[in-house]
């Protein structure tokens, strides 16, 4: 016996409430990612992103660890992953899409 059990066996005794909580938390985690988690989820290496950005791999590593960056840098990074950056500001029940000057 290896001590390994299928995941479905581990969760078989969970209550419906616990299953719902777990599903909600999993969905939330998929919506909240750091840049490196996003890159990994998209199946890209730092080297591949560096090639797309025409920079070295250390520059990508540094960018992924930054707490503050230019919107243009973030936009280029997201585009290198094949995505499109959208910025929104929320004010209570009002949400406004932010567009950069000259990008309309």
N, C-alpha and C. Protein backbone atom coordinates (compact mmCIF):
# COMPACT_ATOMS: atom_id res chain seq x y z
N UNK A 1 0.84 -1.17 0.00
CA UNK A 1 0.00 0.00 0.00
C UNK A 1 0.89 1.24 0.00
N UNK A 2 0.61 2.19 -0.88
CA UNK A 2 1.46 3.36 -1.05
C UNK A 2 1.08 4.52 -0.14
N UNK A 3 -0.14 4.52 0.40
CA UNK A 3 -0.59 5.64 1.22
C UNK A 3 -1.23 6.75 0.40
N UNK A 4 -1.26 6.59 -0.91
CA UNK A 4 -1.88 7.58 -1.79
C UNK A 4 -3.34 7.23 -1.99
N UNK A 5 -4.19 8.27 -1.94
CA UNK A 5 -5.61 8.07 -2.17
C UNK A 5 -6.08 9.08 -3.20
N UNK A 6 -7.01 8.70 -4.05
CA UNK A 6 -7.56 9.65 -5.01
C UNK A 6 -8.21 10.84 -4.29
N UNK A 7 -8.12 12.01 -4.90
CA UNK A 7 -8.68 13.22 -4.31
C UNK A 7 -10.17 13.05 -4.02
N UNK A 8 -10.89 12.40 -4.92
CA UNK A 8 -12.34 12.23 -4.72
C UNK A 8 -12.62 11.44 -3.44
N UNK A 9 -11.71 10.52 -3.07
CA UNK A 9 -11.89 9.78 -1.82
C UNK A 9 -11.67 10.69 -0.61
N UNK A 10 -10.74 11.60 -0.74
CA UNK A 10 -10.46 12.51 0.37
C UNK A 10 -11.61 13.48 0.63
N UNK A 11 -12.33 13.83 -0.42
CA UNK A 11 -13.41 14.81 -0.29
C UNK A 11 -14.79 14.17 -0.21
N UNK A 12 -14.87 12.86 -0.22
CA UNK A 12 -16.15 12.16 -0.25
C UNK A 12 -17.04 12.51 0.95
N UNK A 13 -16.47 12.75 2.10
CA UNK A 13 -17.26 13.03 3.29
C UNK A 13 -17.57 14.50 3.52
N UNK A 14 -17.19 15.37 2.59
CA UNK A 14 -17.45 16.81 2.76
C UNK A 14 -18.94 17.10 2.67
N UNK A 15 -19.39 18.03 3.49
CA UNK A 15 -20.78 18.46 3.44
C UNK A 15 -20.99 19.31 2.18
N UNK A 16 -22.23 19.44 1.73
CA UNK A 16 -22.50 20.32 0.58
C UNK A 16 -22.04 21.76 0.83
N UNK A 17 -22.17 22.23 2.06
CA UNK A 17 -21.73 23.59 2.38
C UNK A 17 -20.22 23.72 2.22
N UNK A 18 -19.48 22.72 2.67
CA UNK A 18 -18.02 22.77 2.54
C UNK A 18 -17.61 22.70 1.08
N UNK A 19 -18.29 21.86 0.30
CA UNK A 19 -17.99 21.77 -1.12
C UNK A 19 -18.24 23.11 -1.82
N UNK A 20 -19.33 23.78 -1.45
CA UNK A 20 -19.65 25.09 -2.03
C UNK A 20 -18.58 26.10 -1.65
N UNK A 21 -18.17 26.10 -0.39
CA UNK A 21 -17.12 27.02 0.06
C UNK A 21 -15.82 26.79 -0.70
N UNK A 22 -15.46 25.54 -0.87
CA UNK A 22 -14.22 25.21 -1.58
C UNK A 22 -14.31 25.66 -3.03
N UNK A 23 -15.44 25.44 -3.68
CA UNK A 23 -15.62 25.86 -5.08
C UNK A 23 -15.54 27.37 -5.20
N UNK A 24 -16.15 28.11 -4.26
CA UNK A 24 -16.10 29.57 -4.29
C UNK A 24 -14.67 30.07 -4.09
N UNK A 25 -13.94 29.46 -3.16
CA UNK A 25 -12.56 29.88 -2.90
C UNK A 25 -11.67 29.57 -4.10
N UNK A 26 -11.88 28.43 -4.74
CA UNK A 26 -11.09 28.07 -5.93
C UNK A 26 -11.34 29.07 -7.05
N UNK A 27 -12.59 29.48 -7.23
CA UNK A 27 -12.91 30.47 -8.26
C UNK A 27 -12.24 31.80 -7.94
N UNK A 28 -12.25 32.19 -6.68
CA UNK A 28 -11.60 33.44 -6.28
C UNK A 28 -10.10 33.38 -6.54
N UNK A 29 -9.48 32.27 -6.23
CA UNK A 29 -8.04 32.14 -6.46
C UNK A 29 -7.69 32.20 -7.94
N UNK A 30 -8.58 31.71 -8.81
CA UNK A 30 -8.35 31.79 -10.25
C UNK A 30 -8.46 33.22 -10.74
N UNK A 31 -9.21 34.07 -10.02
CA UNK A 31 -9.39 35.46 -10.41
C UNK A 31 -8.31 36.38 -9.84
N UNK A 32 -7.58 35.92 -8.85
CA UNK A 32 -6.55 36.73 -8.21
C UNK A 32 -5.21 36.02 -8.36
N UNK A 33 -4.35 36.56 -9.21
CA UNK A 33 -3.05 35.95 -9.43
C UNK A 33 -1.97 37.01 -9.46
N UNK A 34 -0.80 36.64 -8.99
CA UNK A 34 0.37 37.49 -9.17
C UNK A 34 0.82 37.31 -10.62
N UNK A 35 1.71 38.18 -11.07
CA UNK A 35 2.18 38.07 -12.45
C UNK A 35 2.86 36.74 -12.74
N UNK A 36 3.67 36.27 -11.80
CA UNK A 36 4.34 34.99 -12.06
C UNK A 36 3.34 33.84 -12.06
N UNK A 37 2.32 33.88 -11.21
CA UNK A 37 1.29 32.84 -11.23
C UNK A 37 0.51 32.87 -12.54
N UNK A 38 0.23 34.08 -13.03
CA UNK A 38 -0.46 34.24 -14.31
C UNK A 38 0.37 33.68 -15.45
N UNK A 39 1.67 34.00 -15.44
CA UNK A 39 2.56 33.50 -16.50
C UNK A 39 2.59 31.97 -16.49
N UNK A 40 2.70 31.39 -15.32
CA UNK A 40 2.74 29.93 -15.21
C UNK A 40 1.41 29.31 -15.65
N UNK A 41 0.30 29.93 -15.24
CA UNK A 41 -1.02 29.44 -15.64
C UNK A 41 -1.20 29.49 -17.16
N UNK A 42 -0.55 30.46 -17.80
CA UNK A 42 -0.63 30.58 -19.26
C UNK A 42 0.39 29.68 -19.96
N UNK A 43 1.19 28.95 -19.17
CA UNK A 43 2.13 28.00 -19.75
C UNK A 43 3.34 28.64 -20.39
N UNK A 44 3.74 29.80 -19.89
CA UNK A 44 4.89 30.51 -20.47
C UNK A 44 6.04 30.54 -19.47
N UNK A 45 7.24 30.48 -19.98
CA UNK A 45 8.43 30.60 -19.14
C UNK A 45 8.86 32.07 -19.10
N UNK A 46 9.70 32.40 -18.13
CA UNK A 46 10.25 33.76 -18.10
C UNK A 46 11.04 34.04 -19.37
N UNK A 47 11.72 33.05 -19.87
CA UNK A 47 12.51 33.22 -21.08
C UNK A 47 11.62 33.55 -22.28
N UNK A 48 10.48 32.86 -22.39
CA UNK A 48 9.56 33.11 -23.50
C UNK A 48 8.98 34.52 -23.42
N UNK A 49 8.63 34.95 -22.22
CA UNK A 49 8.11 36.32 -22.04
C UNK A 49 9.20 37.33 -22.35
N UNK A 50 10.41 37.05 -21.91
CA UNK A 50 11.55 37.94 -22.18
C UNK A 50 11.76 38.09 -23.69
N UNK A 51 11.67 36.98 -24.42
CA UNK A 51 11.81 37.05 -25.88
C UNK A 51 10.72 37.93 -26.49
N UNK A 52 9.48 37.77 -26.03
CA UNK A 52 8.37 38.56 -26.57
C UNK A 52 8.53 40.05 -26.25
N UNK A 53 9.13 40.34 -25.10
CA UNK A 53 9.34 41.73 -24.69
C UNK A 53 10.65 42.30 -25.20
N UNK A 54 11.50 41.44 -25.78
CA UNK A 54 12.82 41.84 -26.25
C UNK A 54 13.70 42.37 -25.11
N UNK A 55 13.66 41.63 -23.99
CA UNK A 55 14.49 41.94 -22.82
C UNK A 55 15.11 40.62 -22.35
N UNK A 56 15.97 40.71 -21.37
CA UNK A 56 16.56 39.51 -20.79
C UNK A 56 15.65 38.90 -19.74
N UNK A 57 15.86 37.61 -19.47
CA UNK A 57 15.07 36.90 -18.46
C UNK A 57 15.15 37.56 -17.10
N UNK A 58 16.32 38.09 -16.65
CA UNK A 58 16.36 38.75 -15.35
C UNK A 58 15.42 39.96 -15.26
N UNK A 59 15.20 40.65 -16.38
CA UNK A 59 14.28 41.80 -16.38
C UNK A 59 12.85 41.33 -16.13
N UNK A 60 12.48 40.18 -16.66
CA UNK A 60 11.14 39.63 -16.42
C UNK A 60 11.00 39.22 -14.96
N UNK A 61 12.03 38.57 -14.41
CA UNK A 61 12.00 38.18 -13.00
C UNK A 61 11.83 39.41 -12.11
N UNK A 62 12.55 40.47 -12.43
CA UNK A 62 12.46 41.70 -11.65
C UNK A 62 11.08 42.33 -11.78
N UNK A 63 10.53 42.36 -12.98
CA UNK A 63 9.20 42.92 -13.22
C UNK A 63 8.14 42.16 -12.42
N UNK A 64 8.26 40.84 -12.37
CA UNK A 64 7.27 40.03 -11.66
C UNK A 64 7.29 40.26 -10.15
N UNK A 65 8.39 40.76 -9.64
CA UNK A 65 8.50 40.99 -8.20
C UNK A 65 8.18 42.43 -7.78
N UNK A 66 7.99 43.31 -8.74
CA UNK A 66 7.74 44.72 -8.43
C UNK A 66 6.39 44.90 -7.76
N UNK A 67 6.35 45.79 -6.80
CA UNK A 67 5.09 46.13 -6.14
C UNK A 67 4.42 47.31 -6.83
N UNK A 68 5.18 48.06 -7.61
CA UNK A 68 4.66 49.25 -8.28
C UNK A 68 5.33 49.32 -9.65
N UNK A 69 4.53 49.58 -10.68
CA UNK A 69 5.10 49.66 -12.02
C UNK A 69 4.26 50.57 -12.89
N UNK A 70 4.82 50.96 -14.00
CA UNK A 70 4.08 51.76 -14.96
C UNK A 70 3.00 50.91 -15.62
N UNK A 71 1.88 51.53 -15.92
CA UNK A 71 0.80 50.82 -16.61
C UNK A 71 1.30 50.30 -17.95
N UNK A 72 2.13 51.07 -18.63
CA UNK A 72 2.64 50.63 -19.93
C UNK A 72 3.48 49.35 -19.80
N UNK A 73 4.25 49.23 -18.72
CA UNK A 73 5.04 48.01 -18.50
C UNK A 73 4.12 46.82 -18.25
N UNK A 74 3.09 47.03 -17.44
CA UNK A 74 2.13 45.96 -17.17
C UNK A 74 1.39 45.57 -18.45
N UNK A 75 1.00 46.56 -19.24
CA UNK A 75 0.30 46.29 -20.50
C UNK A 75 1.17 45.43 -21.43
N UNK A 76 2.45 45.78 -21.58
CA UNK A 76 3.36 45.01 -22.44
C UNK A 76 3.51 43.58 -21.93
N UNK A 77 3.62 43.41 -20.61
CA UNK A 77 3.76 42.08 -20.03
C UNK A 77 2.52 41.23 -20.34
N UNK A 78 1.34 41.79 -20.11
CA UNK A 78 0.09 41.07 -20.37
C UNK A 78 -0.03 40.73 -21.86
N UNK A 79 0.32 41.67 -22.72
CA UNK A 79 0.28 41.41 -24.16
C UNK A 79 1.27 40.32 -24.56
N UNK A 80 2.43 40.26 -23.88
CA UNK A 80 3.41 39.20 -24.16
C UNK A 80 2.85 37.83 -23.80
N UNK A 81 1.89 37.78 -22.88
CA UNK A 81 1.23 36.52 -22.53
C UNK A 81 0.04 36.23 -23.44
N UNK A 82 -0.23 37.15 -24.37
CA UNK A 82 -1.33 36.94 -25.30
C UNK A 82 -2.63 37.56 -24.83
N UNK A 83 -2.57 38.39 -23.79
CA UNK A 83 -3.78 39.00 -23.25
C UNK A 83 -3.91 40.47 -23.60
N UNK A 84 -4.91 41.08 -23.03
CA UNK A 84 -5.17 42.50 -23.21
C UNK A 84 -5.49 43.09 -21.84
N UNK A 85 -4.81 44.15 -21.48
CA UNK A 85 -5.01 44.77 -20.18
C UNK A 85 -6.20 45.71 -20.22
N UNK A 86 -7.10 45.57 -19.25
CA UNK A 86 -8.23 46.47 -19.09
C UNK A 86 -8.15 47.05 -17.69
N UNK A 87 -8.26 48.37 -17.58
CA UNK A 87 -8.25 49.02 -16.28
C UNK A 87 -9.64 49.56 -15.96
N UNK A 88 -10.08 49.30 -14.73
CA UNK A 88 -11.38 49.80 -14.30
C UNK A 88 -11.23 50.41 -12.91
N UNK A 89 -12.01 51.44 -12.67
CA UNK A 89 -12.07 52.07 -11.35
C UNK A 89 -13.49 51.89 -10.83
N UNK A 90 -13.61 51.48 -9.57
CA UNK A 90 -14.93 51.27 -8.96
C UNK A 90 -15.19 52.35 -7.92
N UNK A 91 -16.36 52.93 -8.01
CA UNK A 91 -16.82 53.95 -7.07
C UNK A 91 -18.19 53.51 -6.57
N UNK A 92 -18.21 52.68 -5.54
CA UNK A 92 -19.48 52.16 -5.06
C UNK A 92 -20.12 51.30 -6.13
N UNK A 93 -21.27 51.75 -6.63
CA UNK A 93 -21.99 50.97 -7.63
C UNK A 93 -21.67 51.41 -9.06
N UNK A 94 -20.69 52.31 -9.22
CA UNK A 94 -20.31 52.80 -10.55
C UNK A 94 -18.92 52.28 -10.90
N UNK A 95 -18.80 51.72 -12.10
CA UNK A 95 -17.51 51.26 -12.60
C UNK A 95 -17.19 52.01 -13.88
N UNK A 96 -15.96 52.53 -13.95
CA UNK A 96 -15.52 53.31 -15.10
C UNK A 96 -14.31 52.62 -15.72
N UNK A 97 -14.34 52.40 -17.02
CA UNK A 97 -13.17 51.87 -17.72
C UNK A 97 -12.20 53.01 -17.98
N UNK A 98 -10.95 52.79 -17.65
CA UNK A 98 -9.90 53.79 -17.83
C UNK A 98 -9.19 53.50 -19.16
N UNK A 99 -9.14 54.51 -20.03
CA UNK A 99 -8.42 54.36 -21.28
C UNK A 99 -7.25 55.35 -21.27
N UNK A 100 -6.14 54.91 -21.82
CA UNK A 100 -4.98 55.79 -21.91
C UNK A 100 -5.19 56.79 -23.03
N UNK A 101 -4.66 57.97 -22.84
CA UNK A 101 -4.74 58.99 -23.89
C UNK A 101 -4.13 58.43 -25.17
N UNK A 102 -4.81 58.61 -26.28
CA UNK A 102 -4.31 58.16 -27.57
C UNK A 102 -4.57 56.69 -27.87
N UNK A 103 -5.23 55.95 -26.99
CA UNK A 103 -5.48 54.52 -27.23
C UNK A 103 -6.93 54.24 -27.61
N UNK A 104 -7.75 55.25 -27.77
CA UNK A 104 -9.15 55.01 -28.16
C UNK A 104 -9.26 54.70 -29.60
